[in-house]
Amino acid sequence: MHYWGKIIGVILAIVSGLGFWGALVGLIIGHGFDKASIQRKFAGRMNKRDRQIIFFASTFQILGHLTKSKGRVTETDIQLATNLMDRMQLHGETRKAAQQAFREGKSPNFPLRDVLKQLRMACYGRFDLIQMFLEIQLQAAFADGQLHPNERKVLFIIAEELGISKVQFEQFLDMIQSGRQFGQGYSQQQSGGYYQQSNGPTLEDACKVLGVSPSDDPTKIKRAYRKLMSEHHPDKLVAKGLPPEMMEIAKQKAQSIQAAYDLVKKELGFK
């Protein structure tokens, strides 16, 4: 399997003093090392930088694969990926690395399950990182306003390999769809630009973002809100291995949670 050898490229780049993004390029272009030895490396202790590199590369590889699953990759699909890179303010070698990872994900022989297994090992014991990864993929899938059946199949494989149950997966789908009403994610206009959802959010939308029901008591709703805010705290996520370039995405998610909670409080009449 050609993929696993890339980790050796990362290690060599780090040792050579090429820095974080040199390591990322090493991840993408490294080849020819034994899979079993790499798996043993994952089983040991992994530092934050390695985790960030794997998370970053996996994000764009899976995005490429998700896009290709619909068939032909269109200019709209490429623009959606470009928009994500813009939101992350990727430039220079960093942007080139993301673009290369995206192209690799579109390959017919892309080892989807192996990449996901690697990511799961890298994020072991950090479910909030796993959750953030899935949310990024879901936002991308919904970016054009609809979920293609093949995209749904790939998303379910992602959830399955990352240890997320079918029930949890469906909850995430509801949360992301409703979250778009609060400015989470982005949508494609005919002109090629992006806009937020035009319809105002409802109480039902807000409750789905929080994972609660309008009939729940205020104590339960507050508990759910605090849990979500803790899970999506940008600084905490970066400390656990989220690439710093993705902090803005985490901030936007936290803002949508806050907006949903404010609407629930207003509609249900509690502080």
C-alpha atoms as a PDB file:
ATOM      1  CA  MET A   1       0.000   0.000   0.000  1.00  0.00           C
ATOM      2  CA  HIS A   2       1.671   3.212  -1.196  1.00  0.00           C
ATOM      3  CA  TYR A   3      -0.080   5.424   1.331  1.00  0.00           C
ATOM      4  CA  TRP A   4       1.623   4.321   4.508  1.00  0.00           C
ATOM      5  CA  GLY A   5       5.085   5.145   3.241  1.00  0.00           C
ATOM      6  CA  LYS A   6       4.176   8.800   3.260  1.00  0.00           C
ATOM      7  CA  ILE A   7       4.524   8.932   7.010  1.00  0.00           C
ATOM      8  CA  ILE A   8       8.212   8.196   6.569  1.00  0.00           C
ATOM      9  CA  GLY A   9       8.331  11.246   4.322  1.00  0.00           C
ATOM     10  CA  VAL A  10       6.908  13.277   7.197  1.00  0.00           C
ATOM     11  CA  ILE A  11       9.492  12.005   9.645  1.00  0.00           C
ATOM     12  CA  LEU A  12      12.368  12.647   7.246  1.00  0.00           C
ATOM     13  CA  ALA A  13      11.127  16.160   6.539  1.00  0.00           C
ATOM     14  CA  ILE A  14      10.901  16.950  10.251  1.00  0.00           C
ATOM     15  CA  VAL A  15      14.348  15.544  10.963  1.00  0.00           C
ATOM     16  CA  SER A  16      15.744  17.505   8.024  1.00  0.00           C
ATOM     17  CA  GLY A  17      14.460  20.737   9.553  1.00  0.00           C
ATOM     18  CA  LEU A  18      11.989  21.518   6.787  1.00  0.00           C
ATOM     19  CA  GLY A  19       9.367  22.536   9.290  1.00  0.00           C
ATOM     20  CA  PHE A  20       5.643  21.842   9.582  1.00  0.00           C
ATOM     21  CA  TRP A  21       4.712  22.313   5.924  1.00  0.00           C
ATOM     22  CA  GLY A  22       7.813  20.583   4.708  1.00  0.00           C
ATOM     23  CA  ALA A  23       6.571  17.688   6.795  1.00  0.00           C
ATOM     24  CA  LEU A  24       3.157  17.929   5.157  1.00  0.00           C
ATOM     25  CA  VAL A  25       4.700  17.791   1.710  1.00  0.00           C
ATOM     26  CA  GLY A  26       6.706  14.791   2.900  1.00  0.00           C
ATOM     27  CA  LEU A  27       3.465  13.148   3.968  1.00  0.00           C
ATOM     28  CA  ILE A  28       2.029  13.551   0.505  1.00  0.00           C
ATOM     29  CA  ILE A  29       5.031  12.524  -1.601  1.00  0.00           C
ATOM     30  CA  GLY A  30       6.758   9.903   0.563  1.00  0.00           C
ATOM     31  CA  HIS A  31       6.739   6.343  -0.792  1.00  0.00           C
ATOM     32  CA  GLY A  32       8.024   2.827  -0.378  1.00  0.00           C
ATOM     33  CA  PHE A  33       8.018   1.916   3.331  1.00  0.00           C
ATOM     34  CA  ASP A  34       6.540  -1.050   5.105  1.00  0.00           C
ATOM     35  CA  LYS A  35       2.932  -0.688   6.287  1.00  0.00           C
ATOM     36  CA  ALA A  36       3.291  -2.769   9.437  1.00  0.00           C
ATOM     37  CA  SER A  37       6.135  -0.673  10.837  1.00  0.00           C
ATOM     38  CA  ILE A  38       4.107   2.496  10.316  1.00  0.00           C
ATOM     39  CA  GLN A  39       1.132   0.992  12.132  1.00  0.00           C
ATOM     40  CA  ARG A  40       3.374   0.241  15.099  1.00  0.00           C
ATOM     41  CA  LYS A  41       4.495   3.857  15.062  1.00  0.00           C
ATOM     42  CA  PHE A  42       0.870   4.963  15.317  1.00  0.00           C
ATOM     43  CA  ALA A  43       0.248   2.581  18.179  1.00  0.00           C
ATOM     44  CA  GLY A  44       2.901   4.443  20.171  1.00  0.00           C
ATOM     45  CA  ARG A  45       2.845   8.008  21.320  1.00  0.00           C
ATOM     46  CA  MET A  46       2.194  10.605  18.617  1.00  0.00           C
ATOM     47  CA  ASN A  47       2.998  14.268  19.135  1.00  0.00           C
ATOM     48  CA  LYS A  48       0.629  17.104  18.332  1.00  0.00           C
ATOM     49  CA  ARG A  49       2.469  18.168  15.183  1.00  0.00           C
ATOM     50  CA  ASP A  50       2.214  14.697  13.626  1.00  0.00           C
ATOM     51  CA  ARG A  51      -1.469  14.612  14.503  1.00  0.00           C
ATOM     52  CA  GLN A  52      -2.069  18.024  12.917  1.00  0.00           C
ATOM     53  CA  ILE A  53      -0.292  16.970   9.730  1.00  0.00           C
ATOM     54  CA  ILE A  54      -2.340  13.790   9.414  1.00  0.00           C
ATOM     55  CA  PHE A  55      -5.593  15.634  10.176  1.00  0.00           C
ATOM     56  CA  PHE A  56      -4.826  18.324   7.586  1.00  0.00           C
ATOM     57  CA  ALA A  57      -3.829  15.936   4.795  1.00  0.00           C
ATOM     58  CA  SER A  58      -6.714  13.546   5.528  1.00  0.00           C
ATOM     59  CA  THR A  59      -9.217  16.405   5.452  1.00  0.00           C
ATOM     60  CA  PHE A  60      -8.368  17.393   1.882  1.00  0.00           C
ATOM     61  CA  GLN A  61      -7.824  13.836   0.654  1.00  0.00           C
ATOM     62  CA  ILE A  62     -11.265  12.797   1.866  1.00  0.00           C
ATOM     63  CA  LEU A  63     -12.800  15.985   0.470  1.00  0.00           C
ATOM     64  CA  GLY A  64     -11.355  15.077  -2.922  1.00  0.00           C
ATOM     65  CA  HIS A  65     -12.714  11.541  -2.672  1.00  0.00           C
ATOM     66  CA  LEU A  66     -16.114  12.790  -1.536  1.00  0.00           C
ATOM     67  CA  THR A  67     -16.290  15.173  -4.481  1.00  0.00           C
ATOM     68  CA  LYS A  68     -15.270  12.483  -6.976  1.00  0.00           C
ATOM     69  CA  SER A  69     -17.918  10.094  -5.619  1.00  0.00           C
ATOM     70  CA  LYS A  70     -20.612  12.067  -7.474  1.00  0.00           C
ATOM     71  CA  GLY A  71     -18.942  11.282 -10.793  1.00  0.00           C
ATOM     72  CA  ARG A  72     -17.187  13.987 -12.754  1.00  0.00           C
ATOM     73  CA  VAL A  73     -15.587  16.721 -10.668  1.00  0.00           C
ATOM     74  CA  THR A  74     -17.074  20.032 -11.819  1.00  0.00           C
ATOM     75  CA  GLU A  75     -15.742  23.576 -11.640  1.00  0.00           C
ATOM     76  CA  THR A  76     -18.271  24.158  -8.872  1.00  0.00           C
ATOM     77  CA  ASP A  77     -16.757  21.316  -6.849  1.00  0.00           C
ATOM     78  CA  ILE A  78     -13.272  22.752  -7.297  1.00  0.00           C
ATOM     79  CA  GLN A  79     -14.533  26.194  -6.307  1.00  0.00           C
ATOM     80  CA  LEU A  80     -16.023  24.755  -3.118  1.00  0.00           C
ATOM     81  CA  ALA A  81     -12.646  23.273  -2.169  1.00  0.00           C
ATOM     82  CA  THR A  82     -10.949  26.548  -3.070  1.00  0.00           C
ATOM     83  CA  ASN A  83     -13.393  28.411  -0.861  1.00  0.00           C
ATOM     84  CA  LEU A  84     -12.491  26.189   2.083  1.00  0.00           C
ATOM     85  CA  MET A  85      -8.798  26.905   1.487  1.00  0.00           C
ATOM     86  CA  ASP A  86      -9.611  30.620   1.395  1.00  0.00           C
ATOM     87  CA  ARG A  87     -11.487  30.375   4.690  1.00  0.00           C
ATOM     88  CA  MET A  88      -8.410  28.731   6.169  1.00  0.00           C
ATOM     89  CA  GLN A  89      -6.202  31.437   4.603  1.00  0.00           C
ATOM     90  CA  LEU A  90      -3.919  28.878   2.977  1.00  0.00           C
ATOM     91  CA  HIS A  91      -1.149  30.305   0.811  1.00  0.00           C
ATOM     92  CA  GLY A  92       2.076  29.220  -0.859  1.00  0.00           C
ATOM     93  CA  GLU A  93       3.365  25.742  -0.074  1.00  0.00           C
ATOM     94  CA  THR A  94       0.562  25.151   2.407  1.00  0.00           C
ATOM     95  CA  ARG A  95      -2.061  25.678  -0.281  1.00  0.00           C
ATOM     96  CA  LYS A  96      -0.119  23.522  -2.747  1.00  0.00           C
ATOM     97  CA  ALA A  97      -0.034  20.719  -0.181  1.00  0.00           C
ATOM     98  CA  ALA A  98      -3.810  20.970   0.318  1.00  0.00           C
ATOM     99  CA  GLN A  99      -4.385  20.934  -3.452  1.00  0.00           C
ATOM    100  CA  GLN A 100      -2.147  17.879  -3.864  1.00  0.00           C
ATOM    101  CA  ALA A 101      -3.994  16.066  -1.089  1.00  0.00           C
ATOM    102  CA  PHE A 102      -7.323  16.934  -2.760  1.00  0.00           C
ATOM    103  CA  ARG A 103      -6.092  15.566  -6.100  1.00  0.00           C
ATOM    104  CA  GLU A 104      -4.863  12.383  -4.458  1.00  0.00           C
ATOM    105  CA  GLY A 105      -8.294  11.829  -2.925  1.00  0.00           C
ATOM    106  CA  LYS A 106      -9.817  11.880  -6.424  1.00  0.00           C
ATOM    107  CA  SER A 107      -7.636   8.960  -7.538  1.00  0.00           C
ATOM    108  CA  PRO A 108      -9.590   5.810  -8.526  1.00  0.00           C
ATOM    109  CA  ASN A 109      -7.339   3.733  -6.255  1.00  0.00           C
ATOM    110  CA  PHE A 110      -7.550   6.031  -3.249  1.00  0.00           C
ATOM    111  CA  PRO A 111      -7.430   3.822  -0.090  1.00  0.00           C
ATOM    112  CA  LEU A 112     -10.350   5.455   1.718  1.00  0.00           C
ATOM    113  CA  ARG A 113     -10.683   3.007   4.586  1.00  0.00           C
ATOM    114  CA  ASP A 114      -6.931   2.847   5.208  1.00  0.00           C
ATOM    115  CA  VAL A 115      -6.677   6.629   5.389  1.00  0.00           C
ATOM    116  CA  LEU A 116      -9.590   6.746   7.820  1.00  0.00           C
ATOM    117  CA  LYS A 117      -8.083   4.007   9.979  1.00  0.00           C
ATOM    118  CA  GLN A 118      -4.866   6.010  10.124  1.00  0.00           C
ATOM    119  CA  LEU A 119      -6.771   9.155  11.119  1.00  0.00           C
ATOM    120  CA  ARG A 120      -8.664   7.268  13.806  1.00  0.00           C
ATOM    121  CA  MET A 121      -5.402   5.989  15.279  1.00  0.00           C
ATOM    122  CA  ALA A 122      -3.918   9.482  15.177  1.00  0.00           C
ATOM    123  CA  CYS A 123      -6.964  10.894  16.996  1.00  0.00           C
ATOM    124  CA  TYR A 124      -7.307   8.018  19.458  1.00  0.00           C
ATOM    125  CA  GLY A 125      -9.014   9.195  22.644  1.00  0.00           C
ATOM    126  CA  ARG A 126      -9.914  12.558  21.087  1.00  0.00           C
ATOM    127  CA  PHE A 127     -13.499  12.181  19.926  1.00  0.00           C
ATOM    128  CA  ASP A 128     -13.932  15.947  19.589  1.00  0.00           C
ATOM    129  CA  LEU A 129     -11.315  15.896  16.813  1.00  0.00           C
ATOM    130  CA  ILE A 130     -13.087  12.995  15.099  1.00  0.00           C
ATOM    131  CA  GLN A 131     -16.348  14.903  15.387  1.00  0.00           C
ATOM    132  CA  MET A 132     -14.796  18.036  13.899  1.00  0.00           C
ATOM    133  CA  PHE A 133     -13.406  16.037  10.977  1.00  0.00           C
ATOM    134  CA  LEU A 134     -16.811  14.553  10.154  1.00  0.00           C
ATOM    135  CA  GLU A 135     -18.479  17.951  10.465  1.00  0.00           C
ATOM    136  CA  ILE A 136     -16.056  19.463   7.941  1.00  0.00           C
ATOM    137  CA  GLN A 137     -16.858  16.677   5.460  1.00  0.00           C
ATOM    138  CA  LEU A 138     -20.593  17.079   6.042  1.00  0.00           C
ATOM    139  CA  GLN A 139     -20.420  20.834   5.508  1.00  0.00           C
ATOM    140  CA  ALA A 140     -18.608  20.256   2.227  1.00  0.00           C
ATOM    141  CA  ALA A 141     -21.170  17.672   1.099  1.00  0.00           C
ATOM    142  CA  PHE A 142     -24.053  20.070   1.805  1.00  0.00           C
ATOM    143  CA  ALA A 143     -22.275  23.100   0.321  1.00  0.00           C
ATOM    144  CA  ASP A 144     -24.171  22.867  -2.985  1.00  0.00           C
ATOM    145  CA  GLY A 145     -27.485  22.621  -1.148  1.00  0.00           C
ATOM    146  CA  GLN A 146     -28.078  18.902  -1.653  1.00  0.00           C
ATOM    147  CA  LEU A 147     -26.634  15.564  -0.599  1.00  0.00           C
ATOM    148  CA  HIS A 148     -25.886  13.193  -3.484  1.00  0.00           C
ATOM    149  CA  PRO A 149     -26.657   9.493  -2.729  1.00  0.00           C
ATOM    150  CA  ASN A 150     -23.022   8.559  -3.395  1.00  0.00           C
ATOM    151  CA  GLU A 151     -21.840  11.297  -1.047  1.00  0.00           C
ATOM    152  CA  ARG A 152     -24.075   9.860   1.636  1.00  0.00           C
ATOM    153  CA  LYS A 153     -22.535   6.407   1.119  1.00  0.00           C
ATOM    154  CA  VAL A 154     -19.016   7.804   1.469  1.00  0.00           C
ATOM    155  CA  LEU A 155     -20.006   9.819   4.531  1.00  0.00           C
ATOM    156  CA  PHE A 156     -21.401   6.701   6.159  1.00  0.00           C
ATOM    157  CA  ILE A 157     -18.125   4.859   5.488  1.00  0.00           C
ATOM    158  CA  ILE A 158     -16.289   7.789   7.086  1.00  0.00           C
ATOM    159  CA  ALA A 159     -18.501   7.591  10.152  1.00  0.00           C
ATOM    160  CA  GLU A 160     -18.192   3.811  10.342  1.00  0.00           C
ATOM    161  CA  GLU A 161     -14.380   3.820  10.152  1.00  0.00           C
ATOM    162  CA  LEU A 162     -14.143   6.606  12.719  1.00  0.00           C
ATOM    163  CA  GLY A 163     -16.266   4.699  15.221  1.00  0.00           C
ATOM    164  CA  ILE A 164     -19.417   6.796  14.885  1.00  0.00           C
ATOM    165  CA  SER A 165     -22.673   4.861  15.103  1.00  0.00           C
ATOM    166  CA  LYS A 166     -25.472   5.149  12.558  1.00  0.00           C
ATOM    167  CA  VAL A 167     -27.639   6.946  15.132  1.00  0.00           C
ATOM    168  CA  GLN A 168     -24.862   9.456  15.846  1.00  0.00           C
ATOM    169  CA  PHE A 169     -24.289   9.894  12.127  1.00  0.00           C
ATOM    170  CA  GLU A 170     -27.947  10.762  11.514  1.00  0.00           C
ATOM    171  CA  GLN A 171     -27.807  13.230  14.415  1.00  0.00           C
ATOM    172  CA  PHE A 172     -24.772  14.883  12.852  1.00  0.00           C
ATOM    173  CA  LEU A 173     -26.642  15.146   9.544  1.00  0.00           C
ATOM    174  CA  ASP A 174     -29.534  16.938  11.261  1.00  0.00           C
ATOM    175  CA  MET A 175     -27.162  19.227  13.145  1.00  0.00           C
ATOM    176  CA  ILE A 176     -25.250  20.239  10.016  1.00  0.00           C
ATOM    177  CA  GLN A 177     -28.387  20.803   7.928  1.00  0.00           C
ATOM    178  CA  SER A 178     -29.941  22.955  10.637  1.00  0.00           C
ATOM    179  CA  GLY A 179     -26.635  24.653  11.398  1.00  0.00           C
ATOM    180  CA  ARG A 180     -26.545  26.097   7.883  1.00  0.00           C
ATOM    181  CA  GLN A 181     -29.399  28.358   8.987  1.00  0.00           C
ATOM    182  CA  PHE A 182     -27.048  29.882  11.551  1.00  0.00           C
ATOM    183  CA  GLY A 183     -24.221  30.654   9.151  1.00  0.00           C
ATOM    184  CA  GLN A 184     -22.423  27.322   9.515  1.00  0.00           C
ATOM    185  CA  GLY A 185     -20.945  26.168   6.225  1.00  0.00           C
ATOM    186  CA  TYR A 186     -21.490  27.826   2.857  1.00  0.00           C
ATOM    187  CA  SER A 187     -23.655  27.531  -0.232  1.00  0.00           C
ATOM    188  CA  GLN A 188     -23.010  27.973  -3.930  1.00  0.00           C
ATOM    189  CA  GLN A 189     -24.644  30.732  -5.966  1.00  0.00           C
ATOM    190  CA  GLN A 190     -25.053  30.584  -9.725  1.00  0.00           C
ATOM    191  CA  SER A 191     -22.544  33.410 -10.006  1.00  0.00           C
ATOM    192  CA  GLY A 192     -19.898  31.285  -8.324  1.00  0.00           C
ATOM    193  CA  GLY A 193     -19.990  33.172  -5.039  1.00  0.00           C
ATOM    194  CA  TYR A 194     -21.242  32.016  -1.680  1.00  0.00           C
ATOM    195  CA  TYR A 195     -24.110  33.064   0.522  1.00  0.00           C
ATOM    196  CA  GLN A 196     -25.695  32.105   3.796  1.00  0.00           C
ATOM    197  CA  GLN A 197     -29.099  30.499   3.932  1.00  0.00           C
ATOM    198  CA  SER A 198     -31.827  33.050   3.162  1.00  0.00           C
ATOM    199  CA  ASN A 199     -34.594  31.515   5.257  1.00  0.00           C
ATOM    200  CA  GLY A 200     -34.542  32.469   8.910  1.00  0.00           C
ATOM    201  CA  PRO A 201     -33.752  29.742  11.447  1.00  0.00           C
ATOM    202  CA  THR A 202     -36.596  28.191  13.416  1.00  0.00           C
ATOM    203  CA  LEU A 203     -36.818  26.823  16.942  1.00  0.00           C
ATOM    204  CA  GLU A 204     -36.663  23.328  15.455  1.00  0.00           C
ATOM    205  CA  ASP A 205     -33.451  24.218  13.609  1.00  0.00           C
ATOM    206  CA  ALA A 206     -31.910  25.581  16.795  1.00  0.00           C
ATOM    207  CA  CYS A 207     -32.838  22.496  18.799  1.00  0.00           C
ATOM    208  CA  LYS A 208     -31.317  20.182  16.186  1.00  0.00           C
ATOM    209  CA  VAL A 209     -28.047  22.133  16.328  1.00  0.00           C
ATOM    210  CA  LEU A 210     -27.983  21.611  20.092  1.00  0.00           C
ATOM    211  CA  GLY A 211     -29.201  18.014  19.886  1.00  0.00           C
ATOM    212  CA  VAL A 212     -32.227  18.696  22.090  1.00  0.00           C
ATOM    213  CA  SER A 213     -36.011  18.862  21.821  1.00  0.00           C
ATOM    214  CA  PRO A 214     -38.217  21.945  22.413  1.00  0.00           C
ATOM    215  CA  SER A 215     -39.953  19.931  25.139  1.00  0.00           C
ATOM    216  CA  ASP A 216     -36.722  19.390  27.109  1.00  0.00           C
ATOM    217  CA  ASP A 217     -36.377  21.284  30.365  1.00  0.00           C
ATOM    218  CA  PRO A 218     -34.000  24.283  30.481  1.00  0.00           C
ATOM    219  CA  THR A 219     -31.464  22.411  32.605  1.00  0.00           C
ATOM    220  CA  LYS A 220     -31.020  19.705  29.964  1.00  0.00           C
ATOM    221  CA  ILE A 221     -30.773  22.284  27.181  1.00  0.00           C
ATOM    222  CA  LYS A 222     -28.144  24.285  29.074  1.00  0.00           C
ATOM    223  CA  ARG A 223     -26.156  21.123  29.717  1.00  0.00           C
ATOM    224  CA  ALA A 224     -26.224  20.207  26.011  1.00  0.00           C
ATOM    225  CA  TYR A 225     -25.150  23.729  25.048  1.00  0.00           C
ATOM    226  CA  ARG A 226     -22.218  23.766  27.472  1.00  0.00           C
ATOM    227  CA  LYS A 227     -21.074  20.341  26.317  1.00  0.00           C
ATOM    228  CA  LEU A 228     -21.098  21.400  22.662  1.00  0.00           C
ATOM    229  CA  MET A 229     -19.263  24.643  23.393  1.00  0.00           C
ATOM    230  CA  SER A 230     -16.609  22.731  25.301  1.00  0.00           C
ATOM    231  CA  GLU A 231     -16.209  20.212  22.456  1.00  0.00           C
ATOM    232  CA  HIS A 232     -15.876  22.972  19.851  1.00  0.00           C
ATOM    233  CA  HIS A 233     -13.644  25.365  21.776  1.00  0.00           C
ATOM    234  CA  PRO A 234     -11.044  26.375  19.127  1.00  0.00           C
ATOM    235  CA  ASP A 235      -8.062  26.580  21.492  1.00  0.00           C
ATOM    236  CA  LYS A 236      -8.853  23.198  23.039  1.00  0.00           C
ATOM    237  CA  LEU A 237      -9.172  21.579  19.616  1.00  0.00           C
ATOM    238  CA  VAL A 238      -5.846  22.994  18.418  1.00  0.00           C
ATOM    239  CA  ALA A 239      -4.180  21.814  21.630  1.00  0.00           C
ATOM    240  CA  LYS A 240      -5.462  18.301  20.907  1.00  0.00           C
ATOM    241  CA  GLY A 241      -4.294  18.232  17.299  1.00  0.00           C
ATOM    242  CA  LEU A 242      -6.541  20.385  15.102  1.00  0.00           C
ATOM    243  CA  PRO A 243      -4.343  22.218  12.563  1.00  0.00           C
ATOM    244  CA  PRO A 244      -4.197  25.906  13.553  1.00  0.00           C
ATOM    245  CA  GLU A 245      -5.324  26.837  10.028  1.00  0.00           C
ATOM    246  CA  MET A 246      -8.672  25.199  10.826  1.00  0.00           C
ATOM    247  CA  MET A 247      -9.263  27.279  13.950  1.00  0.00           C
ATOM    248  CA  GLU A 248     -11.510  29.653  12.004  1.00  0.00           C
ATOM    249  CA  ILE A 249     -13.814  26.755  11.080  1.00  0.00           C
ATOM    250  CA  ALA A 250     -14.037  25.785  14.750  1.00  0.00           C
ATOM    251  CA  LYS A 251     -14.837  29.397  15.664  1.00  0.00           C
ATOM    252  CA  GLN A 252     -17.656  29.512  13.124  1.00  0.00           C
ATOM    253  CA  LYS A 253     -19.071  26.280  14.523  1.00  0.00           C
ATOM    254  CA  ALA A 254     -18.976  27.696  18.061  1.00  0.00           C
ATOM    255  CA  GLN A 255     -20.723  30.846  16.835  1.00  0.00           C
ATOM    256  CA  SER A 256     -23.519  28.808  15.245  1.00  0.00           C
ATOM    257  CA  ILE A 257     -23.980  26.876  18.501  1.00  0.00           C
ATOM    258  CA  GLN A 258     -24.178  30.152  20.422  1.00  0.00           C
ATOM    259  CA  ALA A 259     -26.694  31.606  17.955  1.00  0.00           C
ATOM    260  CA  ALA A 260     -28.847  28.472  18.177  1.00  0.00           C
ATOM    261  CA  TYR A 261     -28.782  28.567  21.975  1.00  0.00           C
ATOM    262  CA  ASP A 262     -29.737  32.264  22.013  1.00  0.00           C
ATOM    263  CA  LEU A 263     -32.738  31.510  19.779  1.00  0.00           C
ATOM    264  CA  VAL A 264     -33.844  28.607  21.980  1.00  0.00           C
ATOM    265  CA  LYS A 265     -33.646  30.787  25.098  1.00  0.00           C
ATOM    266  CA  LYS A 266     -35.667  33.512  23.405  1.00  0.00           C
ATOM    267  CA  GLU A 267     -38.352  31.171  22.050  1.00  0.00           C
ATOM    268  CA  LEU A 268     -38.716  29.099  25.216  1.00  0.00           C
ATOM    269  CA  GLY A 269     -38.419  32.054  27.565  1.00  0.00           C
ATOM    270  CA  PHE A 270     -35.535  31.190  29.878  1.00  0.00           C
ATOM    271  CA  LYS A 271     -32.181  32.803  30.660  1.00  0.00           C
END
